[in-house]
Every structure is written in structure tokens, then in C-alpha cells.
Amino acid sequence: MINRDLLLSYGAEIKNYKTNEVIFREGEFSTYYYQIADGKIKLNNYTEEGKEFIQNIFSDGQSFGESILFVNKPYPMNAEALIPSNIIRLPKSEFLILLKENPEISTNIHHCLAERMYYKYIMLYNLSIQNPASKLKLLMDYLKTYDDNKEPYSFQIPLTRQQLASLTGLRVETVIRVIKSMEKENSLKIVNRKIFY
């Protein structure tokens, strides 16, 4: 997203997070731009019953939560490390200066935000779909758009069955059953418990 050395030159620091450690919580106000040096994080919410709803998952080189830096509102979600992760964080005030002084980066941020809005539209539509197979297919189709190889079974789904369930609002048992059914229909392949679409 943004060159690591450039972020560091504006005063960024690298912070280490352990698995399941919270980076920010729903209701807190944004004070940093976050970019993953290495690792994997999820944006999520929890229902009153404690059920997790995953909004998105990000990995190496990706930023997260940056849209909230442009509005004076609290985070509507949490950010948690899925695995040990090194996160570059730059104070909000310095991030805004960086954008002003580097218009090409500002353009990249706009493109990234547009991509995320596109994803949100797809996932919002996905929530309205009743058929579990259609929900999973829509998500897998979207994930595969980022892969150059469009051949069948060429793309390994980078999510666990639990993560697929949390992203689509399905129960994990339903996801497991539907994936087995999709494999029988030759919509996907399972190799060593990994899903290839």
C-alpha cells in the first residue's frame, strides 16, 4: 500500500501483536493508520450472544481501518490479530500530512477505499441471499477475482471453514456440508483439507 520506509520517515513505528490480540476496539476513535508488515488480521464484531461476524481479513502489505481516519466517528468494528503480526502504525496527524505531500499515495488510498466499498456491496448483497451454496459461491468468486489464473481449481481459498462461516453469516456445520456438496458437483476441489476453487 504505502512504502514502509516512507511511513517510517513520517514517524511510524512497528508494533508486534500476538494471536488474538486486539489492535483496536469497536467504539474507540481512530488515532493511527495501520498497515500490515507481516501477519494476518481480521475486522469483526460480536453479537450480544457472543457470535463472531467477520467483516474482512487482511494480510501482508494491506492497510485496514483507514476509512475511519477521514470521519470523526468511532470504529464500528474490532481489529484482531489472527496470527502473530507486525503492524506499522502512523499517527493520524502524520498520515494526513503524508497524503497531502504525496498526492499519488492519496490516489492509491482512494482506489483502495473504492475496492473495499465494492467488496462491501457484494457482501451486503450476500447477506440477503438465502441459499448457503450461493452465498459461498459469491464470496469465492469475489476472492478469485484477485488471482490471475482463472482456471478451475487454480485458486486456494485463503480462509478456514470457520472464517467462511463468519464472513457469510452461516453456521460452520452448514459451510462444511455445502463445501462437500460443491465438491461432489465439481465446483471446487478439496486437497489436504484445503479448498481449491
N, C-alpha and C. Protein backbone atom coordinates (compact mmCIF):
# COMPACT_ATOMS: atom_id res chain seq x y z
N MET A 1 0.83 -1.19 0.00
CA MET A 1 0.00 0.00 0.00
C MET A 1 0.87 1.25 0.00
N ILE A 2 1.52 1.54 1.14
CA ILE A 2 2.44 2.67 1.24
C ILE A 2 3.81 2.10 1.60
N ASN A 3 4.84 2.61 0.92
CA ASN A 3 6.20 2.14 1.15
C ASN A 3 6.56 2.23 2.64
N ARG A 4 7.09 1.15 3.15
CA ARG A 4 7.43 1.05 4.58
C ARG A 4 8.39 2.16 5.01
N ASP A 5 9.45 2.40 4.20
CA ASP A 5 10.44 3.42 4.56
C ASP A 5 9.81 4.81 4.59
N LEU A 6 8.87 5.06 3.68
CA LEU A 6 8.19 6.35 3.67
C LEU A 6 7.37 6.51 4.95
N LEU A 7 6.65 5.46 5.34
CA LEU A 7 5.87 5.51 6.59
C LEU A 7 6.78 5.78 7.78
N LEU A 8 7.92 5.09 7.83
CA LEU A 8 8.85 5.26 8.95
C LEU A 8 9.43 6.67 8.96
N SER A 9 9.67 7.24 7.76
CA SER A 9 10.22 8.61 7.69
C SER A 9 9.23 9.65 8.21
N TYR A 10 7.95 9.32 8.24
CA TYR A 10 6.93 10.22 8.78
C TYR A 10 6.63 9.93 10.26
N GLY A 11 7.40 9.04 10.85
CA GLY A 11 7.25 8.78 12.28
C GLY A 11 6.49 7.52 12.66
N ALA A 12 6.30 6.62 11.70
CA ALA A 12 5.60 5.37 12.01
C ALA A 12 6.47 4.48 12.88
N GLU A 13 5.82 3.58 13.59
CA GLU A 13 6.50 2.58 14.39
C GLU A 13 5.94 1.21 14.04
N ILE A 14 6.72 0.17 14.32
CA ILE A 14 6.25 -1.19 14.08
C ILE A 14 5.91 -1.80 15.43
N LYS A 15 4.69 -2.27 15.54
CA LYS A 15 4.22 -2.86 16.80
C LYS A 15 3.90 -4.33 16.56
N ASN A 16 4.28 -5.17 17.49
CA ASN A 16 4.05 -6.61 17.38
C ASN A 16 2.78 -6.98 18.15
N TYR A 17 1.95 -7.81 17.51
CA TYR A 17 0.72 -8.28 18.14
C TYR A 17 0.72 -9.80 18.16
N LYS A 18 0.29 -10.37 19.27
CA LYS A 18 0.17 -11.82 19.40
C LYS A 18 -1.15 -12.29 18.80
N THR A 19 -1.27 -13.58 18.54
CA THR A 19 -2.51 -14.16 18.05
C THR A 19 -3.66 -13.79 19.00
N ASN A 20 -4.76 -13.34 18.42
CA ASN A 20 -5.98 -12.92 19.14
C ASN A 20 -5.85 -11.59 19.88
N GLU A 21 -4.72 -10.92 19.78
CA GLU A 21 -4.58 -9.63 20.45
C GLU A 21 -5.36 -8.57 19.69
N VAL A 22 -6.02 -7.70 20.44
CA VAL A 22 -6.85 -6.64 19.85
C VAL A 22 -5.96 -5.45 19.46
N ILE A 23 -6.15 -4.96 18.24
CA ILE A 23 -5.41 -3.79 17.75
C ILE A 23 -6.22 -2.53 18.03
N PHE A 24 -7.51 -2.58 17.74
CA PHE A 24 -8.44 -1.54 18.18
C PHE A 24 -9.80 -2.16 18.39
N ARG A 25 -10.62 -1.47 19.20
CA ARG A 25 -11.95 -1.99 19.57
C ARG A 25 -13.05 -1.11 19.01
N GLU A 26 -14.17 -1.77 18.77
CA GLU A 26 -15.39 -1.07 18.39
C GLU A 26 -15.68 0.00 19.45
N GLY A 27 -15.98 1.23 19.00
CA GLY A 27 -16.29 2.32 19.92
C GLY A 27 -15.12 3.24 20.19
N GLU A 28 -13.88 2.79 19.91
CA GLU A 28 -12.71 3.65 20.08
C GLU A 28 -12.59 4.59 18.88
N PHE A 29 -11.98 5.75 19.09
CA PHE A 29 -11.75 6.67 17.98
C PHE A 29 -10.40 6.38 17.35
N SER A 30 -10.31 6.58 16.05
CA SER A 30 -9.10 6.25 15.31
C SER A 30 -8.00 7.28 15.60
N THR A 31 -6.83 6.77 15.87
CA THR A 31 -5.67 7.63 16.11
C THR A 31 -4.47 7.25 15.26
N TYR A 32 -4.56 6.12 14.53
CA TYR A 32 -3.44 5.65 13.73
C TYR A 32 -3.89 5.13 12.36
N TYR A 33 -2.98 5.23 11.40
CA TYR A 33 -3.08 4.49 10.14
C TYR A 33 -2.35 3.17 10.40
N TYR A 34 -2.97 2.05 10.02
CA TYR A 34 -2.39 0.73 10.25
C TYR A 34 -2.11 0.03 8.92
N GLN A 35 -0.90 -0.55 8.82
CA GLN A 35 -0.54 -1.34 7.64
C GLN A 35 0.22 -2.57 8.12
N ILE A 36 -0.11 -3.72 7.55
CA ILE A 36 0.49 -4.98 7.98
C ILE A 36 1.86 -5.16 7.33
N ALA A 37 2.91 -5.22 8.15
CA ALA A 37 4.25 -5.54 7.64
C ALA A 37 4.28 -7.03 7.32
N ASP A 38 3.86 -7.85 8.28
CA ASP A 38 3.65 -9.27 8.04
C ASP A 38 2.68 -9.78 9.09
N GLY A 39 1.84 -10.70 8.66
CA GLY A 39 0.83 -11.26 9.55
C GLY A 39 -0.54 -11.29 8.90
N LYS A 40 -1.55 -11.43 9.73
CA LYS A 40 -2.92 -11.50 9.23
C LYS A 40 -3.85 -10.99 10.32
N ILE A 41 -4.76 -10.09 9.97
CA ILE A 41 -5.71 -9.57 10.94
C ILE A 41 -7.13 -9.69 10.39
N LYS A 42 -8.08 -9.62 11.30
CA LYS A 42 -9.48 -9.65 10.90
C LYS A 42 -10.19 -8.45 11.51
N LEU A 43 -11.16 -7.94 10.76
CA LEU A 43 -12.08 -6.93 11.28
C LEU A 43 -13.35 -7.68 11.62
N ASN A 44 -13.85 -7.49 12.84
CA ASN A 44 -15.01 -8.27 13.25
C ASN A 44 -15.90 -7.50 14.22
N ASN A 45 -17.05 -8.10 14.47
CA ASN A 45 -17.98 -7.66 15.51
C ASN A 45 -18.46 -8.91 16.22
N TYR A 46 -19.00 -8.71 17.41
CA TYR A 46 -19.60 -9.81 18.15
C TYR A 46 -21.05 -9.45 18.45
N THR A 47 -21.95 -10.40 18.25
CA THR A 47 -23.35 -10.17 18.58
C THR A 47 -23.51 -10.21 20.09
N GLU A 48 -24.70 -9.85 20.57
CA GLU A 48 -24.97 -9.89 22.01
C GLU A 48 -24.83 -11.30 22.56
N GLU A 49 -25.06 -12.32 21.70
CA GLU A 49 -24.93 -13.71 22.12
C GLU A 49 -23.48 -14.19 22.05
N GLY A 50 -22.56 -13.33 21.60
CA GLY A 50 -21.15 -13.69 21.52
C GLY A 50 -20.73 -14.32 20.20
N LYS A 51 -21.64 -14.38 19.23
CA LYS A 51 -21.28 -14.94 17.92
C LYS A 51 -20.46 -13.91 17.14
N GLU A 52 -19.38 -14.39 16.55
CA GLU A 52 -18.50 -13.51 15.80
C GLU A 52 -19.00 -13.34 14.36
N PHE A 53 -18.94 -12.10 13.87
CA PHE A 53 -19.19 -11.80 12.47
C PHE A 53 -17.93 -11.15 11.93
N ILE A 54 -17.26 -11.82 10.99
CA ILE A 54 -16.03 -11.28 10.40
C ILE A 54 -16.41 -10.40 9.21
N GLN A 55 -15.93 -9.17 9.23
CA GLN A 55 -16.19 -8.25 8.12
C GLN A 55 -15.18 -8.42 6.99
N ASN A 56 -13.91 -8.64 7.38
CA ASN A 56 -12.88 -8.79 6.36
C ASN A 56 -11.62 -9.34 7.00
N ILE A 57 -10.73 -9.88 6.18
CA ILE A 57 -9.44 -10.40 6.63
C ILE A 57 -8.37 -9.78 5.74
N PHE A 58 -7.29 -9.31 6.36
CA PHE A 58 -6.20 -8.65 5.64
C PHE A 58 -4.87 -9.31 5.98
N SER A 59 -3.92 -9.22 5.03
CA SER A 59 -2.61 -9.83 5.25
C SER A 59 -1.50 -8.90 4.77
N ASP A 60 -0.29 -9.45 4.64
CA ASP A 60 0.93 -8.69 4.35
C ASP A 60 0.73 -7.56 3.34
N GLY A 61 1.16 -6.36 3.73
CA GLY A 61 1.15 -5.22 2.84
C GLY A 61 -0.16 -4.45 2.81
N GLN A 62 -1.22 -5.01 3.35
CA GLN A 62 -2.52 -4.34 3.29
C GLN A 62 -2.72 -3.43 4.50
N SER A 63 -3.50 -2.38 4.28
CA SER A 63 -3.87 -1.50 5.37
C SER A 63 -5.29 -1.87 5.81
N PHE A 64 -5.68 -1.37 6.98
CA PHE A 64 -7.03 -1.66 7.47
C PHE A 64 -7.50 -0.54 8.38
N GLY A 65 -8.80 -0.29 8.32
CA GLY A 65 -9.40 0.72 9.19
C GLY A 65 -9.14 2.16 8.78
N GLU A 66 -8.49 2.36 7.63
CA GLU A 66 -8.10 3.72 7.26
C GLU A 66 -9.28 4.63 6.90
N SER A 67 -10.39 4.06 6.46
CA SER A 67 -11.53 4.91 6.10
C SER A 67 -12.03 5.70 7.30
N ILE A 68 -11.88 5.16 8.51
CA ILE A 68 -12.36 5.83 9.72
C ILE A 68 -11.51 7.06 10.05
N LEU A 69 -10.29 7.12 9.49
CA LEU A 69 -9.43 8.28 9.73
C LEU A 69 -10.00 9.56 9.10
N PHE A 70 -10.91 9.41 8.15
CA PHE A 70 -11.44 10.56 7.43
C PHE A 70 -12.77 11.07 8.00
N VAL A 71 -13.27 10.42 9.02
CA VAL A 71 -14.52 10.86 9.67
C VAL A 71 -14.28 10.92 11.18
N ASN A 72 -14.97 11.79 11.83
CA ASN A 72 -14.80 11.91 13.27
C ASN A 72 -15.82 11.03 13.98
N LYS A 73 -15.69 9.73 13.76
CA LYS A 73 -16.61 8.75 14.33
C LYS A 73 -15.80 7.59 14.91
N PRO A 74 -16.36 6.86 15.86
CA PRO A 74 -15.64 5.71 16.43
C PRO A 74 -15.65 4.52 15.46
N TYR A 75 -14.72 3.61 15.70
CA TYR A 75 -14.68 2.39 14.90
C TYR A 75 -15.98 1.61 15.08
N PRO A 76 -16.59 1.14 13.98
CA PRO A 76 -17.79 0.30 14.09
C PRO A 76 -17.44 -1.18 14.15
N MET A 77 -16.15 -1.51 14.35
CA MET A 77 -15.69 -2.89 14.37
C MET A 77 -14.42 -2.99 15.20
N ASN A 78 -14.00 -4.22 15.45
CA ASN A 78 -12.74 -4.52 16.12
C ASN A 78 -11.72 -4.94 15.08
N ALA A 79 -10.43 -4.82 15.44
CA ALA A 79 -9.36 -5.41 14.63
C ALA A 79 -8.57 -6.32 15.56
N GLU A 80 -8.42 -7.59 15.15
CA GLU A 80 -7.71 -8.57 15.97
C GLU A 80 -6.69 -9.32 15.11
N ALA A 81 -5.55 -9.66 15.70
CA ALA A 81 -4.54 -10.44 15.00
C ALA A 81 -4.98 -11.90 14.93
N LEU A 82 -4.97 -12.47 13.73
CA LEU A 82 -5.29 -13.89 13.55
C LEU A 82 -4.08 -14.76 13.83
N ILE A 83 -2.90 -14.22 13.54
CA ILE A 83 -1.62 -14.89 13.79
C ILE A 83 -0.67 -13.82 14.33
N PRO A 84 0.50 -14.20 14.85
CA PRO A 84 1.44 -13.15 15.27
C PRO A 84 1.70 -12.20 14.09
N SER A 85 1.56 -10.90 14.35
CA SER A 85 1.60 -9.92 13.28
C SER A 85 2.41 -8.69 13.67
N ASN A 86 3.15 -8.18 12.70
CA ASN A 86 3.89 -6.93 12.86
C ASN A 86 3.14 -5.86 12.09
N ILE A 87 2.68 -4.85 12.80
CA ILE A 87 1.84 -3.81 12.22
C ILE A 87 2.58 -2.47 12.26
N ILE A 88 2.63 -1.82 11.11
CA ILE A 88 3.18 -0.46 11.05
C ILE A 88 2.04 0.48 11.39
N ARG A 89 2.26 1.37 12.34
CA ARG A 89 1.21 2.33 12.67
C ARG A 89 1.80 3.74 12.66
N LEU A 90 1.06 4.61 12.01
CA LEU A 90 1.46 6.00 11.84
C LEU A 90 0.38 6.87 12.45
N PRO A 91 0.75 7.82 13.34
CA PRO A 91 -0.28 8.69 13.92
C PRO A 91 -1.12 9.38 12.85
N LYS A 92 -2.39 9.54 13.14
CA LYS A 92 -3.35 10.11 12.20
C LYS A 92 -2.87 11.46 11.64
N SER A 93 -2.38 12.34 12.49
CA SER A 93 -1.95 13.67 12.04
C SER A 93 -0.83 13.56 11.01
N GLU A 94 0.12 12.65 11.24
CA GLU A 94 1.23 12.46 10.30
C GLU A 94 0.76 11.79 9.00
N PHE A 95 -0.20 10.89 9.12
CA PHE A 95 -0.77 10.23 7.94
C PHE A 95 -1.42 11.27 7.02
N LEU A 96 -2.17 12.19 7.58
CA LEU A 96 -2.83 13.22 6.77
C LEU A 96 -1.81 14.14 6.10
N ILE A 97 -0.70 14.43 6.79
CA ILE A 97 0.38 15.23 6.18
C ILE A 97 1.01 14.44 5.04
N LEU A 98 1.26 13.15 5.27
CA LEU A 98 1.85 12.28 4.23
C LEU A 98 1.00 12.31 2.97
N LEU A 99 -0.33 12.21 3.13
CA LEU A 99 -1.23 12.23 1.97
C LEU A 99 -1.16 13.57 1.24
N LYS A 100 -1.13 14.64 2.00
CA LYS A 100 -1.08 15.98 1.40
C LYS A 100 0.21 16.20 0.61
N GLU A 101 1.30 15.67 1.13
CA GLU A 101 2.61 15.86 0.50
C GLU A 101 2.90 14.83 -0.59
N ASN A 102 2.08 13.79 -0.70
CA ASN A 102 2.29 12.72 -1.68
C ASN A 102 0.97 12.39 -2.37
N PRO A 103 0.55 13.22 -3.34
CA PRO A 103 -0.76 13.03 -3.96
C PRO A 103 -0.96 11.66 -4.63
N GLU A 104 0.12 11.03 -5.10
CA GLU A 104 -0.02 9.71 -5.73
C GLU A 104 -0.46 8.67 -4.71
N ILE A 105 -0.03 8.82 -3.46
CA ILE A 105 -0.45 7.90 -2.41
C ILE A 105 -1.91 8.14 -2.07
N SER A 106 -2.30 9.40 -2.09
CA SER A 106 -3.71 9.74 -1.85
C SER A 106 -4.59 9.07 -2.91
N THR A 107 -4.15 9.07 -4.15
CA THR A 107 -4.89 8.41 -5.23
C THR A 107 -4.98 6.91 -4.97
N ASN A 108 -3.88 6.31 -4.53
CA ASN A 108 -3.88 4.87 -4.20
C ASN A 108 -4.85 4.56 -3.07
N ILE A 109 -4.90 5.43 -2.08
CA ILE A 109 -5.83 5.23 -0.96
C ILE A 109 -7.27 5.29 -1.48
N HIS A 110 -7.57 6.24 -2.36
CA HIS A 110 -8.92 6.34 -2.94
C HIS A 110 -9.28 5.05 -3.68
N HIS A 111 -8.32 4.53 -4.44
CA HIS A 111 -8.56 3.28 -5.19
C HIS A 111 -8.83 2.13 -4.20
N CYS A 112 -8.04 2.06 -3.15
CA CYS A 112 -8.21 1.00 -2.15
C CYS A 112 -9.59 1.11 -1.48
N LEU A 113 -9.99 2.33 -1.13
CA LEU A 113 -11.29 2.53 -0.49
C LEU A 113 -12.43 2.15 -1.44
N ALA A 114 -12.26 2.45 -2.73
CA ALA A 114 -13.27 2.07 -3.72
C ALA A 114 -13.38 0.55 -3.82
N GLU A 115 -12.23 -0.14 -3.81
CA GLU A 115 -12.23 -1.62 -3.84
C GLU A 115 -12.95 -2.18 -2.61
N ARG A 116 -12.70 -1.58 -1.47
CA ARG A 116 -13.34 -2.05 -0.23
C ARG A 116 -14.85 -1.80 -0.27
N MET A 117 -15.25 -0.67 -0.84
CA MET A 117 -16.69 -0.40 -0.97
C MET A 117 -17.33 -1.44 -1.90
N TYR A 118 -16.64 -1.78 -2.97
CA TYR A 118 -17.13 -2.80 -3.90
C TYR A 118 -17.34 -4.11 -3.15
N TYR A 119 -16.35 -4.50 -2.33
CA TYR A 119 -16.45 -5.72 -1.51
C TYR A 119 -17.65 -5.63 -0.57
N LYS A 120 -17.83 -4.48 0.06
CA LYS A 120 -18.95 -4.31 1.00
C LYS A 120 -20.29 -4.46 0.28
N TYR A 121 -20.39 -3.92 -0.93
CA TYR A 121 -21.64 -4.07 -1.70
C TYR A 121 -21.92 -5.54 -1.98
N ILE A 122 -20.88 -6.27 -2.38
CA ILE A 122 -21.04 -7.70 -2.66
C ILE A 122 -21.47 -8.44 -1.39
N MET A 123 -20.81 -8.15 -0.28
CA MET A 123 -21.11 -8.86 0.96
C MET A 123 -22.48 -8.45 1.51
N LEU A 124 -22.88 -7.22 1.31
CA LEU A 124 -24.21 -6.80 1.74
C LEU A 124 -25.27 -7.57 0.96
N TYR A 125 -25.07 -7.68 -0.35
CA TYR A 125 -25.97 -8.47 -1.18
C TYR A 125 -25.95 -9.93 -0.73
N ASN A 126 -24.74 -10.42 -0.40
CA ASN A 126 -24.57 -11.81 0.03
C ASN A 126 -25.42 -12.11 1.26
N LEU A 127 -25.53 -11.15 2.17
CA LEU A 127 -26.33 -11.36 3.38
C LEU A 127 -27.81 -11.55 3.07
N SER A 128 -28.26 -11.01 1.93
CA SER A 128 -29.67 -11.13 1.57
C SER A 128 -30.00 -12.46 0.90
N ILE A 129 -28.96 -13.18 0.48
CA ILE A 129 -29.16 -14.47 -0.21
C ILE A 129 -29.48 -15.54 0.83
N GLN A 130 -30.48 -16.33 0.55
CA GLN A 130 -30.89 -17.39 1.49
C GLN A 130 -30.14 -18.70 1.26
N ASN A 131 -29.81 -19.00 0.02
CA ASN A 131 -29.17 -20.27 -0.33
C ASN A 131 -27.70 -20.27 0.11
N PRO A 132 -27.30 -21.17 1.02
CA PRO A 132 -25.91 -21.20 1.51
C PRO A 132 -24.88 -21.42 0.41
N ALA A 133 -25.19 -22.28 -0.57
CA ALA A 133 -24.25 -22.53 -1.66
C ALA A 133 -24.03 -21.26 -2.48
N SER A 134 -25.09 -20.51 -2.71
CA SER A 134 -24.97 -19.25 -3.45
C SER A 134 -24.14 -18.24 -2.67
N LYS A 135 -24.32 -18.20 -1.36
CA LYS A 135 -23.54 -17.29 -0.51
C LYS A 135 -22.04 -17.61 -0.63
N LEU A 136 -21.70 -18.90 -0.51
CA LEU A 136 -20.30 -19.29 -0.57
C LEU A 136 -19.72 -19.08 -1.96
N LYS A 137 -20.50 -19.38 -2.98
CA LYS A 137 -20.02 -19.20 -4.36
C LYS A 137 -19.74 -17.73 -4.64
N LEU A 138 -20.61 -16.83 -4.20
CA LEU A 138 -20.41 -15.40 -4.42
C LEU A 138 -19.12 -14.93 -3.74
N LEU A 139 -18.88 -15.37 -2.52
CA LEU A 139 -17.66 -15.00 -1.81
C LEU A 139 -16.43 -15.57 -2.51
N MET A 140 -16.47 -16.83 -2.90
CA MET A 140 -15.32 -17.45 -3.56
C MET A 140 -15.05 -16.81 -4.92
N ASP A 141 -16.12 -16.48 -5.65
CA ASP A 141 -15.95 -15.78 -6.93
C ASP A 141 -15.23 -14.45 -6.71
N TYR A 142 -15.65 -13.72 -5.68
CA TYR A 142 -15.02 -12.43 -5.39
C TYR A 142 -13.54 -12.62 -5.04
N LEU A 143 -13.24 -13.57 -4.16
CA LEU A 143 -11.85 -13.81 -3.76
C LEU A 143 -10.98 -14.17 -4.96
N LYS A 144 -11.53 -14.95 -5.88
CA LYS A 144 -10.76 -15.39 -7.04
C LYS A 144 -10.50 -14.26 -8.04
N THR A 145 -11.26 -13.16 -7.96
CA THR A 145 -11.01 -12.05 -8.89
C THR A 145 -9.61 -11.48 -8.73
N TYR A 146 -8.98 -11.69 -7.56
CA TYR A 146 -7.64 -11.16 -7.32
C TYR A 146 -6.54 -12.10 -7.80
N ASP A 147 -6.92 -13.25 -8.35
CA ASP A 147 -5.96 -14.21 -8.86
C ASP A 147 -5.93 -14.14 -10.38
N ASP A 148 -4.74 -14.11 -10.97
CA ASP A 148 -4.62 -14.02 -12.43
C ASP A 148 -5.10 -15.29 -13.13
N ASN A 149 -4.89 -16.43 -12.51
CA ASN A 149 -5.27 -17.70 -13.12
C ASN A 149 -6.76 -17.97 -12.87
N LYS A 150 -7.53 -18.00 -13.93
CA LYS A 150 -8.98 -18.19 -13.80
C LYS A 150 -9.42 -19.63 -14.06
N GLU A 151 -8.44 -20.54 -14.24
CA GLU A 151 -8.76 -21.94 -14.48
C GLU A 151 -9.46 -22.54 -13.27
N PRO A 152 -10.33 -23.53 -13.48
CA PRO A 152 -10.97 -24.20 -12.35
C PRO A 152 -9.93 -24.82 -11.41
N TYR A 153 -10.17 -24.71 -10.13
CA TYR A 153 -9.36 -25.30 -9.07
C TYR A 153 -7.95 -24.70 -8.97
N SER A 154 -7.73 -23.54 -9.58
CA SER A 154 -6.40 -22.92 -9.57
C SER A 154 -6.18 -22.03 -8.35
N PHE A 155 -7.24 -21.65 -7.68
CA PHE A 155 -7.14 -20.70 -6.58
C PHE A 155 -7.42 -21.38 -5.24
N GLN A 156 -6.46 -21.29 -4.33
CA GLN A 156 -6.67 -21.84 -2.99
C GLN A 156 -7.37 -20.78 -2.14
N ILE A 157 -8.54 -21.13 -1.63
CA ILE A 157 -9.29 -20.22 -0.76
C ILE A 157 -8.46 -20.01 0.51
N PRO A 158 -8.10 -18.76 0.82
CA PRO A 158 -7.20 -18.50 1.96
C PRO A 158 -7.91 -18.39 3.31
N LEU A 159 -9.06 -19.02 3.43
CA LEU A 159 -9.86 -18.91 4.64
C LEU A 159 -10.20 -20.28 5.19
N THR A 160 -10.35 -20.35 6.49
CA THR A 160 -10.80 -21.60 7.12
C THR A 160 -12.31 -21.70 6.94
N ARG A 161 -12.85 -22.86 7.23
CA ARG A 161 -14.30 -23.03 7.15
C ARG A 161 -15.00 -22.15 8.17
N GLN A 162 -14.39 -21.98 9.34
CA GLN A 162 -14.96 -21.09 10.36
C GLN A 162 -14.97 -19.64 9.86
N GLN A 163 -13.90 -19.22 9.19
CA GLN A 163 -13.84 -17.86 8.66
C GLN A 163 -14.87 -17.67 7.54
N LEU A 164 -15.04 -18.68 6.69
CA LEU A 164 -16.08 -18.61 5.66
C LEU A 164 -17.45 -18.45 6.30
N ALA A 165 -17.68 -19.18 7.37
CA ALA A 165 -18.97 -19.09 8.08
C ALA A 165 -19.16 -17.70 8.67
N SER A 166 -18.12 -17.18 9.31
CA SER A 166 -18.22 -15.87 9.95
C SER A 166 -18.38 -14.74 8.93
N LEU A 167 -17.81 -14.91 7.75
CA LEU A 167 -17.94 -13.88 6.71
C LEU A 167 -19.32 -13.89 6.05
N THR A 168 -19.96 -15.05 6.01
CA THR A 168 -21.24 -15.18 5.30
C THR A 168 -22.44 -15.23 6.22
N GLY A 169 -22.20 -15.31 7.52
CA GLY A 169 -23.32 -15.41 8.46
C GLY A 169 -23.91 -16.80 8.56
N LEU A 170 -23.18 -17.80 8.06
CA LEU A 170 -23.63 -19.19 8.12
C LEU A 170 -23.03 -19.89 9.33
N ARG A 171 -23.62 -21.01 9.70
CA ARG A 171 -23.02 -21.85 10.73
C ARG A 171 -21.90 -22.67 10.10
N VAL A 172 -20.87 -22.96 10.87
CA VAL A 172 -19.73 -23.69 10.33
C VAL A 172 -20.15 -25.07 9.83
N GLU A 173 -21.11 -25.70 10.50
CA GLU A 173 -21.60 -27.01 10.06
C GLU A 173 -22.23 -26.90 8.67
N THR A 174 -22.93 -25.81 8.43
CA THR A 174 -23.55 -25.59 7.12
C THR A 174 -22.47 -25.41 6.06
N VAL A 175 -21.43 -24.64 6.38
CA VAL A 175 -20.34 -24.42 5.43
C VAL A 175 -19.68 -25.75 5.08
N ILE A 176 -19.40 -26.58 6.07
CA ILE A 176 -18.76 -27.87 5.82
C ILE A 176 -19.64 -28.73 4.91
N ARG A 177 -20.93 -28.79 5.20
CA ARG A 177 -21.86 -29.59 4.39
C ARG A 177 -21.93 -29.07 2.95
N VAL A 178 -22.04 -27.75 2.79
CA VAL A 178 -22.16 -27.16 1.45
C VAL A 178 -20.87 -27.34 0.66
N ILE A 179 -19.72 -27.20 1.30
CA ILE A 179 -18.45 -27.39 0.60
C ILE A 179 -18.32 -28.83 0.10
N LYS A 180 -18.73 -29.78 0.90
CA LYS A 180 -18.70 -31.19 0.46
C LYS A 180 -19.63 -31.39 -0.73
N SER A 181 -20.78 -30.75 -0.69
CA SER A 181 -21.74 -30.85 -1.79
C SER A 181 -21.18 -30.19 -3.05
N MET A 182 -20.52 -29.02 -2.88
CA MET A 182 -19.92 -28.33 -4.03
C MET A 182 -18.80 -29.16 -4.64
N GLU A 183 -18.09 -29.91 -3.80
CA GLU A 183 -17.03 -30.78 -4.32
C GLU A 183 -17.64 -31.90 -5.16
N LYS A 184 -18.74 -32.48 -4.70
CA LYS A 184 -19.41 -33.54 -5.46
C LYS A 184 -19.91 -33.02 -6.81
N GLU A 185 -20.29 -31.75 -6.85
CA GLU A 185 -20.77 -31.12 -8.10
C GLU A 185 -19.63 -30.62 -8.97
N ASN A 186 -18.38 -30.85 -8.54
CA ASN A 186 -17.18 -30.40 -9.24
C ASN A 186 -17.05 -28.88 -9.32
N SER A 187 -17.64 -28.17 -8.36
CA SER A 187 -17.49 -26.71 -8.30
C SER A 187 -16.17 -26.32 -7.67
N LEU A 188 -15.62 -27.22 -6.86
CA LEU A 188 -14.35 -26.99 -6.18
C LEU A 188 -13.72 -28.32 -5.88
N LYS A 189 -12.45 -28.28 -5.45
CA LYS A 189 -11.74 -29.49 -5.04
C LYS A 189 -11.21 -29.28 -3.64
N ILE A 190 -11.15 -30.38 -2.89
CA ILE A 190 -10.54 -30.32 -1.56
C ILE A 190 -9.29 -31.21 -1.61
N VAL A 191 -8.14 -30.62 -1.32
CA VAL A 191 -6.87 -31.33 -1.30
C VAL A 191 -6.20 -31.05 0.04
N ASN A 192 -5.99 -32.10 0.82
CA ASN A 192 -5.40 -31.95 2.16
C ASN A 192 -6.14 -30.90 2.99
N ARG A 193 -7.46 -30.96 2.97
CA ARG A 193 -8.36 -30.08 3.71
C ARG A 193 -8.37 -28.63 3.19
N LYS A 194 -7.59 -28.34 2.15
CA LYS A 194 -7.56 -27.01 1.54
C LYS A 194 -8.59 -26.98 0.41
N ILE A 195 -9.25 -25.83 0.27
CA ILE A 195 -10.29 -25.67 -0.76
C ILE A 195 -9.66 -25.00 -1.98
N PHE A 196 -9.78 -25.64 -3.14
CA PHE A 196 -9.30 -25.07 -4.41
C PHE A 196 -10.50 -24.76 -5.27
N TYR A 197 -10.61 -23.53 -5.72
CA TYR A 197 -11.78 -23.07 -6.46
C TYR A 197 -11.37 -22.58 -7.83
